[in-house]
Amino acid sequence: MIDRFTEAEYEGVLTAAKSDVQVQGWLDRFAASNQIDLNDSRTISGIDLLTSKNLLTQERATHILTDPVQNFERP
């Protein structure tokens, strides 16, 4: 999942997590997951949260959730 973010986007999320418990919670859930289902409502809610906090644009959120899964992303 992290590889779907640009370096700048990921750094923005990490920075925001230092002062925003909701963003930190999303990162914690992500880190605890063995697999990320891009169609799971929890994944979509997490991306929506980052978009609502202006950490992602709606266009980037759509790409993150809908771009084809690459071989290196598979378990």
N, C-alpha and C. Protein backbone atom coordinates (compact mmCIF):
# COMPACT_ATOMS: atom_id res chain seq x y z
N MET A 1 0.82 -1.19 0.00
CA MET A 1 0.00 0.00 0.00
C MET A 1 0.87 1.26 0.00
N ILE A 2 1.91 1.28 0.77
CA ILE A 2 2.77 2.45 0.84
C ILE A 2 3.32 2.81 -0.54
N ASP A 3 3.63 1.81 -1.34
CA ASP A 3 4.18 2.06 -2.67
C ASP A 3 3.19 2.76 -3.59
N ARG A 4 1.93 2.78 -3.22
CA ARG A 4 0.93 3.48 -4.02
C ARG A 4 0.96 4.98 -3.76
N PHE A 5 1.62 5.40 -2.70
CA PHE A 5 1.74 6.82 -2.37
C PHE A 5 3.04 7.37 -2.97
N THR A 6 3.01 8.64 -3.37
CA THR A 6 4.27 9.27 -3.73
C THR A 6 5.06 9.50 -2.44
N GLU A 7 6.33 9.76 -2.59
CA GLU A 7 7.15 10.03 -1.41
C GLU A 7 6.61 11.24 -0.65
N ALA A 8 6.23 12.28 -1.37
CA ALA A 8 5.70 13.50 -0.73
C ALA A 8 4.38 13.21 0.00
N GLU A 9 3.53 12.40 -0.61
CA GLU A 9 2.27 12.05 0.05
C GLU A 9 2.52 11.28 1.34
N TYR A 10 3.40 10.31 1.26
CA TYR A 10 3.69 9.49 2.45
C TYR A 10 4.32 10.34 3.56
N GLU A 11 5.24 11.21 3.19
CA GLU A 11 5.84 12.10 4.19
C GLU A 11 4.79 13.01 4.81
N GLY A 12 3.84 13.48 4.01
CA GLY A 12 2.75 14.31 4.54
C GLY A 12 1.90 13.55 5.53
N VAL A 13 1.62 12.28 5.23
CA VAL A 13 0.83 11.45 6.14
C VAL A 13 1.61 11.22 7.45
N LEU A 14 2.88 10.91 7.33
CA LEU A 14 3.69 10.70 8.54
C LEU A 14 3.76 11.95 9.40
N THR A 15 3.91 13.09 8.77
CA THR A 15 3.96 14.36 9.50
C THR A 15 2.63 14.63 10.19
N ALA A 16 1.53 14.44 9.46
CA ALA A 16 0.20 14.66 10.03
C ALA A 16 -0.07 13.72 11.20
N ALA A 17 0.41 12.49 11.11
CA ALA A 17 0.16 11.50 12.16
C ALA A 17 0.75 11.92 13.51
N LYS A 18 1.75 12.77 13.48
CA LYS A 18 2.38 13.22 14.73
C LYS A 18 1.44 14.08 15.57
N SER A 19 0.46 14.70 14.92
CA SER A 19 -0.44 15.59 15.67
C SER A 19 -1.92 15.27 15.45
N ASP A 20 -2.22 14.24 14.68
CA ASP A 20 -3.61 13.91 14.37
C ASP A 20 -3.85 12.43 14.67
N VAL A 21 -4.61 12.16 15.71
CA VAL A 21 -4.83 10.79 16.16
C VAL A 21 -5.59 9.97 15.11
N GLN A 22 -6.44 10.59 14.31
CA GLN A 22 -7.15 9.85 13.27
C GLN A 22 -6.18 9.35 12.20
N VAL A 23 -5.27 10.18 11.79
CA VAL A 23 -4.28 9.77 10.80
C VAL A 23 -3.37 8.69 11.39
N GLN A 24 -2.95 8.87 12.64
CA GLN A 24 -2.12 7.85 13.29
C GLN A 24 -2.86 6.53 13.39
N GLY A 25 -4.15 6.59 13.68
CA GLY A 25 -4.95 5.38 13.76
C GLY A 25 -4.99 4.64 12.44
N TRP A 26 -5.13 5.39 11.35
CA TRP A 26 -5.13 4.76 10.03
C TRP A 26 -3.79 4.09 9.77
N LEU A 27 -2.69 4.78 10.09
CA LEU A 27 -1.36 4.18 9.89
C LEU A 27 -1.19 2.92 10.74
N ASP A 28 -1.68 2.96 11.97
CA ASP A 28 -1.58 1.78 12.84
C ASP A 28 -2.35 0.60 12.27
N ARG A 29 -3.56 0.85 11.78
CA ARG A 29 -4.36 -0.23 11.19
C ARG A 29 -3.67 -0.80 9.96
N PHE A 30 -3.13 0.08 9.15
CA PHE A 30 -2.42 -0.35 7.96
C PHE A 30 -1.23 -1.24 8.35
N ALA A 31 -0.45 -0.79 9.31
CA ALA A 31 0.75 -1.53 9.73
C ALA A 31 0.39 -2.90 10.32
N ALA A 32 -0.78 -3.01 10.93
CA ALA A 32 -1.18 -4.26 11.56
C ALA A 32 -1.78 -5.26 10.56
N SER A 33 -2.04 -4.81 9.34
CA SER A 33 -2.69 -5.67 8.35
C SER A 33 -1.67 -6.49 7.57
N ASN A 34 -2.00 -7.75 7.37
CA ASN A 34 -1.17 -8.61 6.54
C ASN A 34 -1.44 -8.37 5.06
N GLN A 35 -2.68 -8.04 4.75
CA GLN A 35 -3.10 -7.78 3.37
C GLN A 35 -4.01 -6.58 3.37
N ILE A 36 -3.98 -5.81 2.29
CA ILE A 36 -4.86 -4.67 2.14
C ILE A 36 -5.77 -4.95 0.95
N ASP A 37 -7.06 -4.96 1.20
CA ASP A 37 -8.06 -5.13 0.14
C ASP A 37 -8.51 -3.74 -0.29
N LEU A 38 -8.20 -3.36 -1.52
CA LEU A 38 -8.52 -2.02 -2.00
C LEU A 38 -10.01 -1.77 -2.11
N ASN A 39 -10.81 -2.83 -2.08
CA ASN A 39 -12.27 -2.69 -2.15
C ASN A 39 -12.94 -2.74 -0.78
N ASP A 40 -12.17 -2.99 0.25
CA ASP A 40 -12.71 -3.08 1.61
C ASP A 40 -13.14 -1.69 2.07
N SER A 41 -14.29 -1.60 2.70
CA SER A 41 -14.81 -0.32 3.15
C SER A 41 -13.87 0.37 4.14
N ARG A 42 -13.11 -0.41 4.91
CA ARG A 42 -12.17 0.19 5.86
C ARG A 42 -11.00 0.84 5.14
N THR A 43 -10.54 0.23 4.06
CA THR A 43 -9.47 0.81 3.26
C THR A 43 -9.96 2.10 2.61
N ILE A 44 -11.13 2.03 2.02
CA ILE A 44 -11.71 3.20 1.36
C ILE A 44 -11.92 4.32 2.37
N SER A 45 -12.40 3.99 3.56
CA SER A 45 -12.59 5.01 4.60
C SER A 45 -11.27 5.65 5.00
N GLY A 46 -10.21 4.86 5.07
CA GLY A 46 -8.89 5.39 5.42
C GLY A 46 -8.39 6.36 4.36
N ILE A 47 -8.56 6.00 3.10
CA ILE A 47 -8.15 6.88 2.01
C ILE A 47 -9.03 8.14 2.00
N ASP A 48 -10.33 7.97 2.24
CA ASP A 48 -11.23 9.12 2.33
C ASP A 48 -10.82 10.06 3.47
N LEU A 49 -10.39 9.49 4.57
CA LEU A 49 -9.93 10.31 5.70
C LEU A 49 -8.73 11.15 5.28
N LEU A 50 -7.77 10.53 4.61
CA LEU A 50 -6.58 11.26 4.18
C LEU A 50 -6.94 12.35 3.18
N THR A 51 -7.94 12.08 2.36
CA THR A 51 -8.40 13.08 1.39
C THR A 51 -9.08 14.24 2.13
N SER A 52 -9.90 13.92 3.11
CA SER A 52 -10.60 14.97 3.86
C SER A 52 -9.64 15.86 4.64
N LYS A 53 -8.47 15.34 4.95
CA LYS A 53 -7.46 16.11 5.68
C LYS A 53 -6.48 16.78 4.73
N ASN A 54 -6.81 16.76 3.43
CA ASN A 54 -5.99 17.38 2.38
C ASN A 54 -4.59 16.78 2.27
N LEU A 55 -4.47 15.52 2.63
CA LEU A 55 -3.20 14.81 2.49
C LEU A 55 -3.11 14.11 1.13
N LEU A 56 -4.27 13.92 0.50
CA LEU A 56 -4.37 13.37 -0.85
C LEU A 56 -5.42 14.17 -1.60
N THR A 57 -5.24 14.32 -2.90
CA THR A 57 -6.30 14.88 -3.72
C THR A 57 -7.28 13.77 -4.03
N GLN A 58 -8.47 14.14 -4.45
CA GLN A 58 -9.46 13.12 -4.82
C GLN A 58 -8.95 12.29 -5.99
N GLU A 59 -8.26 12.94 -6.92
CA GLU A 59 -7.71 12.23 -8.07
C GLU A 59 -6.69 11.17 -7.63
N ARG A 60 -5.81 11.54 -6.73
CA ARG A 60 -4.80 10.58 -6.24
C ARG A 60 -5.47 9.47 -5.45
N ALA A 61 -6.47 9.80 -4.65
CA ALA A 61 -7.18 8.78 -3.88
C ALA A 61 -7.80 7.76 -4.82
N THR A 62 -8.39 8.23 -5.89
CA THR A 62 -8.99 7.33 -6.88
C THR A 62 -7.94 6.42 -7.50
N HIS A 63 -6.79 7.00 -7.85
CA HIS A 63 -5.71 6.18 -8.42
C HIS A 63 -5.21 5.14 -7.42
N ILE A 64 -5.02 5.54 -6.19
CA ILE A 64 -4.53 4.62 -5.16
C ILE A 64 -5.47 3.42 -5.03
N LEU A 65 -6.76 3.69 -5.08
CA LEU A 65 -7.75 2.62 -4.88
C LEU A 65 -8.08 1.82 -6.13
N THR A 66 -7.81 2.37 -7.31
CA THR A 66 -8.28 1.70 -8.53
C THR A 66 -7.19 1.27 -9.50
N ASP A 67 -5.97 1.76 -9.33
CA ASP A 67 -4.91 1.31 -10.24
C ASP A 67 -4.75 -0.21 -10.10
N PRO A 68 -4.46 -0.89 -11.20
CA PRO A 68 -4.29 -2.35 -11.12
C PRO A 68 -3.21 -2.74 -10.11
N VAL A 69 -3.45 -3.84 -9.43
CA VAL A 69 -2.47 -4.36 -8.47
C VAL A 69 -1.29 -4.93 -9.24
N GLN A 70 -0.11 -4.51 -8.87
CA GLN A 70 1.12 -4.96 -9.52
C GLN A 70 1.62 -6.24 -8.85
N ASN A 71 2.41 -7.00 -9.55
CA ASN A 71 2.96 -8.25 -8.99
C ASN A 71 3.72 -8.02 -7.69
N PHE A 72 4.49 -6.94 -7.60
CA PHE A 72 5.26 -6.69 -6.38
C PHE A 72 4.37 -6.33 -5.19
N GLU A 73 3.10 -6.02 -5.43
CA GLU A 73 2.17 -5.69 -4.36
C GLU A 73 1.45 -6.92 -3.81
N ARG A 74 1.54 -8.01 -4.52
CA ARG A 74 0.83 -9.22 -4.10
C ARG A 74 1.59 -9.93 -2.97
N PRO A 75 0.82 -10.60 -2.11
CA PRO A 75 1.48 -11.33 -0.99
C PRO A 75 2.28 -12.51 -1.49
